[in-house]
Amino acid sequence: MPEILHGASERAAELVDNLQRFTATEQIEHTEFKRNGKLSRATNQLFSYVAEIAQAPSGEFWVEEDRAGKADTDSSQLYDTGTAAFALIFHPKKIGNFEFRCARRIVSGNRRNKLLPQSS
């Protein structure tokens, strides 16, 4: 895991250094299911997405995200926010503020998935 965290930390620093502002077309698929697991409704929407990342002299980060729907349809009830900011937890100036542990997914019959700490 230390190698993975080191690599993620390097990529986060590159993100701040090289991509202070980026734009993208974001596609969000929103699928709702009934309690019995059957499909209730599915929507697909395109957004114009812009993110700006800046670092103050104090070392603090500032992240601004904006998105606008590309169609005049009802917007999804759910949308993605904070993705750019989430990547910054791995930045060399921030990674020491977090604890990272491996986890494994447990599936038992039709029960919900659980994430459990990986045993040593």
N, C-alpha and C. Protein backbone atom coordinates (compact mmCIF):
# COMPACT_ATOMS: atom_id res chain seq x y z
N MET A 1 0.81 -1.19 0.00
CA MET A 1 0.00 0.00 0.00
C MET A 1 0.86 1.26 0.00
N PRO A 2 2.02 1.31 0.67
CA PRO A 2 2.82 2.53 0.62
C PRO A 2 3.19 2.95 -0.80
N GLU A 3 3.46 1.98 -1.67
CA GLU A 3 3.79 2.32 -3.06
C GLU A 3 2.60 2.95 -3.77
N ILE A 4 1.43 2.43 -3.52
CA ILE A 4 0.21 2.96 -4.14
C ILE A 4 -0.05 4.38 -3.66
N LEU A 5 0.07 4.61 -2.36
CA LEU A 5 -0.15 5.95 -1.81
C LEU A 5 0.90 6.94 -2.32
N HIS A 6 2.13 6.49 -2.45
CA HIS A 6 3.17 7.36 -2.97
C HIS A 6 2.84 7.77 -4.41
N GLY A 7 2.43 6.81 -5.23
CA GLY A 7 2.06 7.11 -6.61
C GLY A 7 0.86 8.04 -6.69
N ALA A 8 -0.13 7.80 -5.85
CA ALA A 8 -1.32 8.66 -5.83
C ALA A 8 -0.95 10.07 -5.40
N SER A 9 -0.03 10.18 -4.46
CA SER A 9 0.42 11.48 -3.99
C SER A 9 1.13 12.24 -5.10
N GLU A 10 1.98 11.56 -5.86
CA GLU A 10 2.66 12.20 -6.99
C GLU A 10 1.65 12.67 -8.04
N ARG A 11 0.64 11.84 -8.34
CA ARG A 11 -0.38 12.22 -9.33
C ARG A 11 -1.21 13.41 -8.86
N ALA A 12 -1.50 13.49 -7.57
CA ALA A 12 -2.27 14.63 -7.04
C ALA A 12 -1.46 15.91 -7.17
N ALA A 13 -0.16 15.84 -6.91
CA ALA A 13 0.70 17.02 -7.06
C ALA A 13 0.74 17.45 -8.52
N GLU A 14 0.80 16.48 -9.45
CA GLU A 14 0.78 16.80 -10.88
C GLU A 14 -0.55 17.44 -11.27
N LEU A 15 -1.63 16.97 -10.68
CA LEU A 15 -2.95 17.55 -10.96
C LEU A 15 -2.95 19.04 -10.63
N VAL A 16 -2.44 19.38 -9.46
CA VAL A 16 -2.40 20.79 -9.05
C VAL A 16 -1.45 21.59 -9.93
N ASP A 17 -0.30 21.01 -10.25
CA ASP A 17 0.70 21.73 -11.04
C ASP A 17 0.29 21.92 -12.50
N ASN A 18 -0.35 20.93 -13.09
CA ASN A 18 -0.59 20.93 -14.53
C ASN A 18 -2.02 21.24 -14.95
N LEU A 19 -2.97 21.04 -14.08
CA LEU A 19 -4.37 21.20 -14.48
C LEU A 19 -5.09 22.18 -13.57
N GLN A 20 -4.62 23.40 -13.55
CA GLN A 20 -5.29 24.39 -12.70
C GLN A 20 -6.73 24.61 -13.14
N ARG A 21 -7.01 24.41 -14.42
CA ARG A 21 -8.37 24.55 -14.93
C ARG A 21 -8.57 23.49 -16.00
N PHE A 22 -9.65 22.73 -15.89
CA PHE A 22 -9.93 21.78 -16.95
C PHE A 22 -11.43 21.72 -17.22
N THR A 23 -11.73 21.35 -18.45
CA THR A 23 -13.12 21.23 -18.88
C THR A 23 -13.33 19.83 -19.42
N ALA A 24 -14.56 19.38 -19.35
CA ALA A 24 -14.89 18.05 -19.85
C ALA A 24 -16.38 17.98 -20.13
N THR A 25 -16.75 16.99 -20.90
CA THR A 25 -18.16 16.64 -21.04
C THR A 25 -18.37 15.44 -20.12
N GLU A 26 -19.30 15.59 -19.23
CA GLU A 26 -19.57 14.56 -18.22
C GLU A 26 -20.90 13.90 -18.54
N GLN A 27 -20.90 12.59 -18.52
CA GLN A 27 -22.14 11.84 -18.75
C GLN A 27 -22.52 11.15 -17.45
N ILE A 28 -23.73 11.44 -16.97
CA ILE A 28 -24.21 10.82 -15.74
C ILE A 28 -25.40 9.94 -16.07
N GLU A 29 -25.29 8.69 -15.67
CA GLU A 29 -26.39 7.74 -15.81
C GLU A 29 -27.00 7.54 -14.43
N HIS A 30 -28.26 7.83 -14.30
CA HIS A 30 -28.97 7.73 -13.03
C HIS A 30 -30.00 6.60 -13.18
N THR A 31 -29.84 5.56 -12.38
CA THR A 31 -30.74 4.41 -12.44
C THR A 31 -31.39 4.21 -11.08
N GLU A 32 -32.70 4.14 -11.08
CA GLU A 32 -33.45 3.88 -9.84
C GLU A 32 -34.04 2.48 -9.91
N PHE A 33 -33.99 1.80 -8.76
CA PHE A 33 -34.54 0.45 -8.68
C PHE A 33 -35.64 0.41 -7.64
N LYS A 34 -36.60 -0.48 -7.87
CA LYS A 34 -37.65 -0.73 -6.88
C LYS A 34 -37.09 -1.58 -5.77
N ARG A 35 -37.81 -1.70 -4.68
CA ARG A 35 -37.35 -2.51 -3.54
C ARG A 35 -37.09 -3.95 -3.93
N ASN A 36 -37.82 -4.46 -4.92
CA ASN A 36 -37.64 -5.85 -5.35
C ASN A 36 -36.45 -6.02 -6.29
N GLY A 37 -35.71 -4.92 -6.56
CA GLY A 37 -34.53 -4.99 -7.40
C GLY A 37 -34.79 -4.77 -8.88
N LYS A 38 -36.04 -4.61 -9.26
CA LYS A 38 -36.35 -4.38 -10.67
C LYS A 38 -36.18 -2.90 -11.02
N LEU A 39 -35.84 -2.66 -12.27
CA LEU A 39 -35.61 -1.31 -12.75
C LEU A 39 -36.88 -0.47 -12.63
N SER A 40 -36.75 0.72 -12.07
CA SER A 40 -37.86 1.64 -11.95
C SER A 40 -37.78 2.72 -13.02
N ARG A 41 -36.58 3.35 -13.13
CA ARG A 41 -36.39 4.43 -14.08
C ARG A 41 -34.90 4.61 -14.33
N ALA A 42 -34.55 4.93 -15.57
CA ALA A 42 -33.16 5.21 -15.90
C ALA A 42 -33.11 6.46 -16.76
N THR A 43 -32.18 7.35 -16.43
CA THR A 43 -31.98 8.56 -17.22
C THR A 43 -30.49 8.70 -17.53
N ASN A 44 -30.21 9.42 -18.58
CA ASN A 44 -28.84 9.65 -19.01
C ASN A 44 -28.75 11.12 -19.39
N GLN A 45 -27.77 11.85 -18.85
CA GLN A 45 -27.68 13.27 -19.13
C GLN A 45 -26.24 13.68 -19.33
N LEU A 46 -26.01 14.59 -20.27
CA LEU A 46 -24.69 15.16 -20.53
C LEU A 46 -24.58 16.53 -19.89
N PHE A 47 -23.41 16.81 -19.32
CA PHE A 47 -23.13 18.09 -18.70
C PHE A 47 -21.83 18.65 -19.25
N SER A 48 -21.74 19.96 -19.36
CA SER A 48 -20.46 20.64 -19.55
C SER A 48 -19.91 20.86 -18.16
N TYR A 49 -18.69 20.42 -17.92
CA TYR A 49 -18.09 20.43 -16.60
C TYR A 49 -16.80 21.26 -16.63
N VAL A 50 -16.62 22.11 -15.64
CA VAL A 50 -15.40 22.91 -15.50
C VAL A 50 -14.95 22.80 -14.05
N ALA A 51 -13.66 22.59 -13.85
CA ALA A 51 -13.09 22.58 -12.50
C ALA A 51 -11.84 23.45 -12.50
N GLU A 52 -11.68 24.23 -11.45
CA GLU A 52 -10.49 25.06 -11.25
C GLU A 52 -9.88 24.68 -9.91
N ILE A 53 -8.56 24.54 -9.91
CA ILE A 53 -7.84 24.20 -8.69
C ILE A 53 -6.77 25.26 -8.48
N ALA A 54 -6.70 25.82 -7.30
CA ALA A 54 -5.68 26.82 -6.97
C ALA A 54 -5.11 26.50 -5.59
N GLN A 55 -3.89 26.92 -5.37
CA GLN A 55 -3.26 26.72 -4.08
C GLN A 55 -2.80 28.07 -3.54
N ALA A 56 -3.24 28.39 -2.35
CA ALA A 56 -2.86 29.64 -1.70
C ALA A 56 -1.42 29.53 -1.19
N PRO A 57 -0.75 30.66 -0.96
CA PRO A 57 0.61 30.62 -0.41
C PRO A 57 0.69 29.85 0.91
N SER A 58 -0.41 29.80 1.65
CA SER A 58 -0.44 29.06 2.92
C SER A 58 -0.45 27.55 2.70
N GLY A 59 -0.68 27.12 1.46
CA GLY A 59 -0.73 25.69 1.16
C GLY A 59 -2.15 25.15 1.06
N GLU A 60 -3.13 25.94 1.47
CA GLU A 60 -4.51 25.51 1.37
C GLU A 60 -4.95 25.48 -0.09
N PHE A 61 -5.88 24.58 -0.40
CA PHE A 61 -6.37 24.43 -1.75
C PHE A 61 -7.74 25.06 -1.89
N TRP A 62 -8.02 25.51 -3.06
CA TRP A 62 -9.33 26.06 -3.43
C TRP A 62 -9.76 25.32 -4.67
N VAL A 63 -10.95 24.74 -4.65
CA VAL A 63 -11.49 24.01 -5.79
C VAL A 63 -12.87 24.54 -6.10
N GLU A 64 -13.08 24.90 -7.34
CA GLU A 64 -14.38 25.40 -7.80
C GLU A 64 -14.84 24.50 -8.94
N GLU A 65 -16.04 23.97 -8.83
CA GLU A 65 -16.61 23.13 -9.89
C GLU A 65 -17.90 23.77 -10.39
N ASP A 66 -18.14 23.59 -11.67
CA ASP A 66 -19.38 24.08 -12.24
C ASP A 66 -19.81 23.12 -13.34
N ARG A 67 -21.09 22.90 -13.43
CA ARG A 67 -21.61 22.05 -14.51
C ARG A 67 -22.93 22.61 -14.97
N ALA A 68 -23.19 22.44 -16.25
CA ALA A 68 -24.45 22.87 -16.84
C ALA A 68 -24.94 21.78 -17.77
N GLY A 69 -26.23 21.47 -17.67
CA GLY A 69 -26.81 20.46 -18.54
C GLY A 69 -26.73 20.87 -20.00
N LYS A 70 -26.47 19.89 -20.86
CA LYS A 70 -26.36 20.18 -22.29
C LYS A 70 -27.70 20.08 -22.99
N ALA A 71 -28.74 19.67 -22.29
CA ALA A 71 -30.06 19.54 -22.90
C ALA A 71 -31.09 20.22 -22.01
N ASP A 72 -32.21 20.60 -22.59
CA ASP A 72 -33.28 21.26 -21.82
C ASP A 72 -34.24 20.23 -21.23
N THR A 73 -33.68 19.22 -20.57
CA THR A 73 -34.51 18.20 -19.95
C THR A 73 -34.45 18.38 -18.44
N ASP A 74 -35.33 17.69 -17.74
CA ASP A 74 -35.27 17.72 -16.27
C ASP A 74 -33.91 17.18 -15.84
N SER A 75 -33.27 17.88 -14.95
CA SER A 75 -31.96 17.42 -14.49
C SER A 75 -32.13 16.24 -13.55
N SER A 76 -31.08 15.46 -13.47
CA SER A 76 -31.07 14.30 -12.59
C SER A 76 -31.19 14.75 -11.14
N GLN A 77 -31.82 13.93 -10.33
CA GLN A 77 -31.93 14.25 -8.91
C GLN A 77 -30.58 14.11 -8.21
N LEU A 78 -29.69 13.32 -8.78
CA LEU A 78 -28.37 13.12 -8.22
C LEU A 78 -27.33 13.58 -9.22
N TYR A 79 -26.25 14.17 -8.72
CA TYR A 79 -25.15 14.48 -9.59
C TYR A 79 -23.86 14.45 -8.79
N ASP A 80 -22.79 14.34 -9.51
CA ASP A 80 -21.47 14.19 -8.94
C ASP A 80 -20.92 15.57 -8.56
N THR A 81 -20.40 15.69 -7.36
CA THR A 81 -19.76 16.94 -6.96
C THR A 81 -18.59 16.61 -6.03
N GLY A 82 -17.55 17.39 -6.12
CA GLY A 82 -16.41 17.20 -5.23
C GLY A 82 -15.35 16.25 -5.73
N THR A 83 -15.47 15.75 -6.96
CA THR A 83 -14.50 14.79 -7.47
C THR A 83 -13.10 15.37 -7.51
N ALA A 84 -12.96 16.58 -8.02
CA ALA A 84 -11.63 17.20 -8.08
C ALA A 84 -11.06 17.40 -6.69
N ALA A 85 -11.87 17.84 -5.75
CA ALA A 85 -11.41 18.06 -4.38
C ALA A 85 -11.03 16.74 -3.71
N PHE A 86 -11.75 15.68 -4.01
CA PHE A 86 -11.46 14.39 -3.41
C PHE A 86 -10.05 13.92 -3.76
N ALA A 87 -9.62 14.17 -4.99
CA ALA A 87 -8.28 13.76 -5.41
C ALA A 87 -7.19 14.42 -4.58
N LEU A 88 -7.49 15.59 -4.03
CA LEU A 88 -6.47 16.34 -3.30
C LEU A 88 -6.14 15.75 -1.93
N ILE A 89 -6.91 14.80 -1.42
CA ILE A 89 -6.53 14.18 -0.14
C ILE A 89 -5.22 13.43 -0.27
N PHE A 90 -4.83 13.09 -1.51
CA PHE A 90 -3.58 12.37 -1.74
C PHE A 90 -2.40 13.30 -1.98
N HIS A 91 -2.64 14.62 -2.04
CA HIS A 91 -1.56 15.59 -2.28
C HIS A 91 -0.53 15.46 -1.15
N PRO A 92 0.76 15.61 -1.48
CA PRO A 92 1.81 15.46 -0.45
C PRO A 92 1.60 16.33 0.78
N LYS A 93 0.98 17.50 0.63
CA LYS A 93 0.75 18.38 1.79
C LYS A 93 -0.47 17.96 2.61
N LYS A 94 -1.28 17.04 2.11
CA LYS A 94 -2.52 16.65 2.81
C LYS A 94 -2.57 15.19 3.20
N ILE A 95 -1.83 14.33 2.51
CA ILE A 95 -1.98 12.88 2.70
C ILE A 95 -1.72 12.45 4.15
N GLY A 96 -0.86 13.18 4.86
CA GLY A 96 -0.57 12.84 6.26
C GLY A 96 -1.73 13.10 7.20
N ASN A 97 -2.76 13.81 6.74
CA ASN A 97 -3.93 14.11 7.57
C ASN A 97 -4.96 13.00 7.54
N PHE A 98 -4.70 11.95 6.77
CA PHE A 98 -5.68 10.88 6.59
C PHE A 98 -5.05 9.53 6.91
N GLU A 99 -5.91 8.59 7.28
CA GLU A 99 -5.48 7.23 7.53
C GLU A 99 -6.07 6.36 6.43
N PHE A 100 -5.25 5.56 5.78
CA PHE A 100 -5.70 4.70 4.70
C PHE A 100 -5.51 3.25 5.12
N ARG A 101 -6.53 2.44 4.85
CA ARG A 101 -6.47 1.02 5.15
C ARG A 101 -7.01 0.22 3.98
N CYS A 102 -6.50 -0.97 3.78
CA CYS A 102 -7.05 -1.87 2.76
C CYS A 102 -8.38 -2.40 3.26
N ALA A 103 -9.26 -2.72 2.35
CA ALA A 103 -10.55 -3.29 2.72
C ALA A 103 -10.89 -4.38 1.73
N ARG A 104 -11.77 -5.27 2.12
CA ARG A 104 -12.24 -6.31 1.21
C ARG A 104 -13.75 -6.32 1.22
N ARG A 105 -14.33 -6.67 0.10
CA ARG A 105 -15.77 -6.66 -0.04
C ARG A 105 -16.32 -8.06 0.27
N ILE A 106 -17.34 -8.12 1.09
CA ILE A 106 -17.97 -9.37 1.46
C ILE A 106 -19.38 -9.39 0.86
N VAL A 107 -19.69 -10.47 0.15
CA VAL A 107 -21.03 -10.63 -0.41
C VAL A 107 -21.59 -11.93 0.16
N SER A 108 -22.75 -11.84 0.75
CA SER A 108 -23.37 -13.01 1.36
C SER A 108 -24.81 -13.12 0.87
N GLY A 109 -25.05 -14.09 -0.01
CA GLY A 109 -26.41 -14.28 -0.53
C GLY A 109 -26.92 -13.01 -1.19
N ASN A 110 -28.12 -12.59 -0.81
CA ASN A 110 -28.69 -11.37 -1.38
C ASN A 110 -28.54 -10.16 -0.46
N ARG A 111 -27.69 -10.29 0.57
CA ARG A 111 -27.45 -9.17 1.48
C ARG A 111 -26.59 -8.12 0.80
N ARG A 112 -26.67 -6.90 1.34
CA ARG A 112 -25.86 -5.81 0.81
C ARG A 112 -24.37 -6.10 1.00
N ASN A 113 -23.57 -5.55 0.11
CA ASN A 113 -22.12 -5.70 0.22
C ASN A 113 -21.62 -4.95 1.44
N LYS A 114 -20.59 -5.47 2.04
CA LYS A 114 -19.97 -4.81 3.20
C LYS A 114 -18.49 -4.67 2.93
N LEU A 115 -17.91 -3.59 3.38
CA LEU A 115 -16.47 -3.43 3.31
C LEU A 115 -15.90 -3.66 4.70
N LEU A 116 -14.97 -4.59 4.80
CA LEU A 116 -14.36 -4.93 6.08
C LEU A 116 -12.87 -4.65 6.01
N PRO A 117 -12.25 -4.29 7.12
CA PRO A 117 -10.80 -4.10 7.12
C PRO A 117 -10.10 -5.37 6.68
N GLN A 118 -9.07 -5.24 5.88
CA GLN A 118 -8.28 -6.39 5.43
C GLN A 118 -7.44 -6.88 6.59
N SER A 119 -7.47 -8.18 6.85
CA SER A 119 -6.67 -8.72 7.95
C SER A 119 -5.20 -8.71 7.57
N SER A 120 -4.34 -8.56 8.55
CA SER A 120 -2.89 -8.47 8.32
C SER A 120 -2.32 -9.82 8.01
